[in-house]
């Protein structure tokens, strides 16, 4: 009888679905050994989990305007460092230091630090 109960207990524990604790690898998407800077105008700021994102319109040296997707920390982590949903608004000019995407055609970056020159607001190690 005890063997059957032990079996059922073990079976129940092992067959219970658990939440996935997986996370994508930043080095797979971004060149974490390189930091580049870009300047542009905020088009959108999505304050969400698992990562907030900023869309920035950048004028390339050729004069072409290109929209970049900047991946930031999650909303919970940002809130703890004083960043809120209203911290960035469309039209803000920003300077971002970050790790570029491995595929240049994707126009992606992982944010390391950000600065808004109009009022001196900064976030990240580089500017603090």
C-alpha atoms as a PDB file:
ATOM      1  CA  UNK A   1       0.000   0.000   0.000  1.00  0.00           C
ATOM      2  CA  UNK A   2       2.802   2.408   0.903  1.00  0.00           C
ATOM      3  CA  UNK A   3       4.567   1.625  -2.364  1.00  0.00           C
ATOM      4  CA  UNK A   4       1.470   2.581  -4.354  1.00  0.00           C
ATOM      5  CA  UNK A   5       1.069   5.838  -2.406  1.00  0.00           C
ATOM      6  CA  UNK A   6       4.745   6.699  -2.855  1.00  0.00           C
ATOM      7  CA  UNK A   7       4.472   5.947  -6.571  1.00  0.00           C
ATOM      8  CA  UNK A   8       1.399   8.185  -6.918  1.00  0.00           C
ATOM      9  CA  UNK A   9       3.085  10.993  -5.007  1.00  0.00           C
ATOM     10  CA  UNK A  10       6.222  10.828  -7.152  1.00  0.00           C
ATOM     11  CA  UNK A  11       4.198  10.569 -10.344  1.00  0.00           C
ATOM     12  CA  UNK A  12       2.083  13.594  -9.360  1.00  0.00           C
ATOM     13  CA  UNK A  13       5.099  15.742  -8.523  1.00  0.00           C
ATOM     14  CA  UNK A  14       7.009  14.813 -11.661  1.00  0.00           C
ATOM     15  CA  UNK A  15       4.063  15.211 -14.008  1.00  0.00           C
ATOM     16  CA  UNK A  16       2.917  18.612 -12.695  1.00  0.00           C
ATOM     17  CA  UNK A  17       3.629  21.263 -15.312  1.00  0.00           C
ATOM     18  CA  UNK A  18       6.009  23.980 -14.140  1.00  0.00           C
ATOM     19  CA  UNK A  19       6.402  27.444 -15.605  1.00  0.00           C
ATOM     20  CA  UNK A  20       9.229  27.740 -18.073  1.00  0.00           C
ATOM     21  CA  UNK A  21      12.200  29.579 -16.670  1.00  0.00           C
ATOM     22  CA  UNK A  22      13.838  29.954 -20.054  1.00  0.00           C
ATOM     23  CA  UNK A  23      15.175  33.244 -21.334  1.00  0.00           C
ATOM     24  CA  UNK A  24      16.690  34.048 -24.664  1.00  0.00           C
ATOM     25  CA  UNK A  25      20.411  34.500 -24.827  1.00  0.00           C
ATOM     26  CA  UNK A  26      21.506  38.108 -25.372  1.00  0.00           C
ATOM     27  CA  UNK A  27      24.798  37.002 -26.988  1.00  0.00           C
ATOM     28  CA  UNK A  28      22.800  35.037 -29.569  1.00  0.00           C
ATOM     29  CA  UNK A  29      20.948  38.179 -30.678  1.00  0.00           C
ATOM     30  CA  UNK A  30      23.359  40.998 -29.830  1.00  0.00           C
ATOM     31  CA  UNK A  31      27.094  41.496 -30.169  1.00  0.00           C
ATOM     32  CA  UNK A  32      27.719  41.957 -26.432  1.00  0.00           C
ATOM     33  CA  UNK A  33      31.440  42.604 -26.974  1.00  0.00           C
ATOM     34  CA  UNK A  34      30.729  45.779 -28.977  1.00  0.00           C
ATOM     35  CA  UNK A  35      29.121  49.033 -27.862  1.00  0.00           C
ATOM     36  CA  UNK A  36      27.916  51.594 -30.363  1.00  0.00           C
ATOM     37  CA  UNK A  37      26.091  54.870 -29.979  1.00  0.00           C
ATOM     38  CA  UNK A  38      23.118  56.143 -31.911  1.00  0.00           C
ATOM     39  CA  UNK A  39      21.110  59.338 -31.756  1.00  0.00           C
ATOM     40  CA  UNK A  40      17.535  59.752 -32.795  1.00  0.00           C
ATOM     41  CA  UNK A  41      13.950  60.629 -32.037  1.00  0.00           C
ATOM     42  CA  UNK A  42      11.746  58.399 -29.909  1.00  0.00           C
ATOM     43  CA  UNK A  43       8.876  57.068 -32.017  1.00  0.00           C
ATOM     44  CA  UNK A  44       7.417  54.746 -29.360  1.00  0.00           C
ATOM     45  CA  UNK A  45       8.207  53.537 -25.848  1.00  0.00           C
ATOM     46  CA  UNK A  46       6.609  50.236 -24.842  1.00  0.00           C
ATOM     47  CA  UNK A  47       6.876  49.844 -21.064  1.00  0.00           C
ATOM     48  CA  UNK A  48       6.259  46.120 -20.552  1.00  0.00           C
ATOM     49  CA  UNK A  49       7.661  42.779 -19.502  1.00  0.00           C
ATOM     50  CA  UNK A  50       9.735  40.815 -20.228  1.00  0.00           C
ATOM     51  CA  UNK A  51      11.575  43.752 -21.871  1.00  0.00           C
ATOM     52  CA  UNK A  52      10.603  47.336 -22.470  1.00  0.00           C
ATOM     53  CA  UNK A  53      11.420  48.546 -25.975  1.00  0.00           C
ATOM     54  CA  UNK A  54      12.090  51.923 -27.518  1.00  0.00           C
ATOM     55  CA  UNK A  55      11.618  52.579 -31.208  1.00  0.00           C
ATOM     56  CA  UNK A  56      13.973  55.309 -32.361  1.00  0.00           C
ATOM     57  CA  UNK A  57      14.098  57.007 -35.775  1.00  0.00           C
ATOM     58  CA  UNK A  58      17.748  57.504 -36.676  1.00  0.00           C
ATOM     59  CA  UNK A  59      19.081  59.540 -39.582  1.00  0.00           C
ATOM     60  CA  UNK A  60      21.961  57.543 -41.063  1.00  0.00           C
ATOM     61  CA  UNK A  61      25.066  59.254 -42.478  1.00  0.00           C
ATOM     62  CA  UNK A  62      23.564  58.714 -45.961  1.00  0.00           C
ATOM     63  CA  UNK A  63      20.543  60.810 -44.940  1.00  0.00           C
ATOM     64  CA  UNK A  64      18.252  57.779 -44.895  1.00  0.00           C
ATOM     65  CA  UNK A  65      15.890  57.530 -41.912  1.00  0.00           C
ATOM     66  CA  UNK A  66      15.914  54.121 -40.253  1.00  0.00           C
ATOM     67  CA  UNK A  67      13.773  52.891 -37.354  1.00  0.00           C
ATOM     68  CA  UNK A  68      15.743  51.022 -34.683  1.00  0.00           C
ATOM     69  CA  UNK A  69      14.262  48.707 -32.063  1.00  0.00           C
ATOM     70  CA  UNK A  70      16.058  49.127 -28.754  1.00  0.00           C
ATOM     71  CA  UNK A  71      15.585  46.370 -26.163  1.00  0.00           C
ATOM     72  CA  UNK A  72      15.751  47.525 -22.527  1.00  0.00           C
ATOM     73  CA  UNK A  73      15.153  45.908 -19.145  1.00  0.00           C
ATOM     74  CA  UNK A  74      11.719  44.746 -17.982  1.00  0.00           C
ATOM     75  CA  UNK A  75       9.167  47.166 -16.544  1.00  0.00           C
ATOM     76  CA  UNK A  76       9.596  45.858 -12.982  1.00  0.00           C
ATOM     77  CA  UNK A  77      13.363  46.400 -13.060  1.00  0.00           C
ATOM     78  CA  UNK A  78      12.984  49.818 -14.681  1.00  0.00           C
ATOM     79  CA  UNK A  79      10.434  50.939 -12.105  1.00  0.00           C
ATOM     80  CA  UNK A  80      12.958  50.136  -9.381  1.00  0.00           C
ATOM     81  CA  UNK A  81      15.437  52.512 -11.015  1.00  0.00           C
ATOM     82  CA  UNK A  82      12.982  55.385 -11.410  1.00  0.00           C
ATOM     83  CA  UNK A  83      11.816  54.769 -14.983  1.00  0.00           C
ATOM     84  CA  UNK A  84       8.062  54.916 -15.590  1.00  0.00           C
ATOM     85  CA  UNK A  85       5.668  54.625 -18.506  1.00  0.00           C
ATOM     86  CA  UNK A  86       5.934  58.392 -19.034  1.00  0.00           C
ATOM     87  CA  UNK A  87       9.719  58.707 -18.862  1.00  0.00           C
ATOM     88  CA  UNK A  88      10.092  58.729 -22.650  1.00  0.00           C
ATOM     89  CA  UNK A  89       7.562  60.157 -25.074  1.00  0.00           C
ATOM     90  CA  UNK A  90       7.428  60.352 -28.858  1.00  0.00           C
ATOM     91  CA  UNK A  91       9.498  63.279 -30.034  1.00  0.00           C
ATOM     92  CA  UNK A  92      12.171  63.004 -27.327  1.00  0.00           C
ATOM     93  CA  UNK A  93      15.664  63.161 -28.785  1.00  0.00           C
ATOM     94  CA  UNK A  94      17.894  60.512 -27.196  1.00  0.00           C
ATOM     95  CA  UNK A  95      21.452  59.254 -27.347  1.00  0.00           C
ATOM     96  CA  UNK A  96      21.705  55.511 -26.743  1.00  0.00           C
ATOM     97  CA  UNK A  97      24.769  53.416 -26.069  1.00  0.00           C
ATOM     98  CA  UNK A  98      24.233  49.725 -26.605  1.00  0.00           C
ATOM     99  CA  UNK A  99      25.141  46.383 -28.081  1.00  0.00           C
ATOM    100  CA  UNK A 100      24.234  46.178 -31.770  1.00  0.00           C
ATOM    101  CA  UNK A 101      22.263  43.273 -33.169  1.00  0.00           C
ATOM    102  CA  UNK A 102      24.264  40.522 -34.829  1.00  0.00           C
ATOM    103  CA  UNK A 103      22.234  40.996 -38.018  1.00  0.00           C
ATOM    104  CA  UNK A 104      22.741  44.651 -39.026  1.00  0.00           C
ATOM    105  CA  UNK A 105      19.698  44.556 -41.316  1.00  0.00           C
ATOM    106  CA  UNK A 106      17.443  44.079 -38.262  1.00  0.00           C
ATOM    107  CA  UNK A 107      18.363  47.521 -36.872  1.00  0.00           C
ATOM    108  CA  UNK A 108      18.228  46.275 -33.274  1.00  0.00           C
ATOM    109  CA  UNK A 109      20.195  47.190 -30.192  1.00  0.00           C
ATOM    110  CA  UNK A 110      20.362  46.119 -26.552  1.00  0.00           C
ATOM    111  CA  UNK A 111      20.397  49.245 -24.397  1.00  0.00           C
ATOM    112  CA  UNK A 112      23.336  49.792 -22.049  1.00  0.00           C
ATOM    113  CA  UNK A 113      22.693  53.463 -21.264  1.00  0.00           C
ATOM    114  CA  UNK A 114      20.522  56.307 -22.481  1.00  0.00           C
ATOM    115  CA  UNK A 115      20.710  60.089 -22.289  1.00  0.00           C
ATOM    116  CA  UNK A 116      18.141  62.777 -23.132  1.00  0.00           C
ATOM    117  CA  UNK A 117      20.165  65.928 -23.891  1.00  0.00           C
ATOM    118  CA  UNK A 118      17.199  68.333 -23.590  1.00  0.00           C
ATOM    119  CA  UNK A 119      17.051  68.002 -19.787  1.00  0.00           C
ATOM    120  CA  UNK A 120      20.134  65.919 -18.919  1.00  0.00           C
ATOM    121  CA  UNK A 121      18.147  62.842 -17.834  1.00  0.00           C
ATOM    122  CA  UNK A 122      20.261  59.668 -17.951  1.00  0.00           C
ATOM    123  CA  UNK A 123      19.962  55.968 -17.169  1.00  0.00           C
ATOM    124  CA  UNK A 124      22.717  53.356 -17.117  1.00  0.00           C
ATOM    125  CA  UNK A 125      26.296  53.012 -15.980  1.00  0.00           C
ATOM    126  CA  UNK A 126      27.909  54.995 -18.777  1.00  0.00           C
ATOM    127  CA  UNK A 127      26.109  58.214 -17.962  1.00  0.00           C
ATOM    128  CA  UNK A 128      25.693  57.942 -14.162  1.00  0.00           C
END
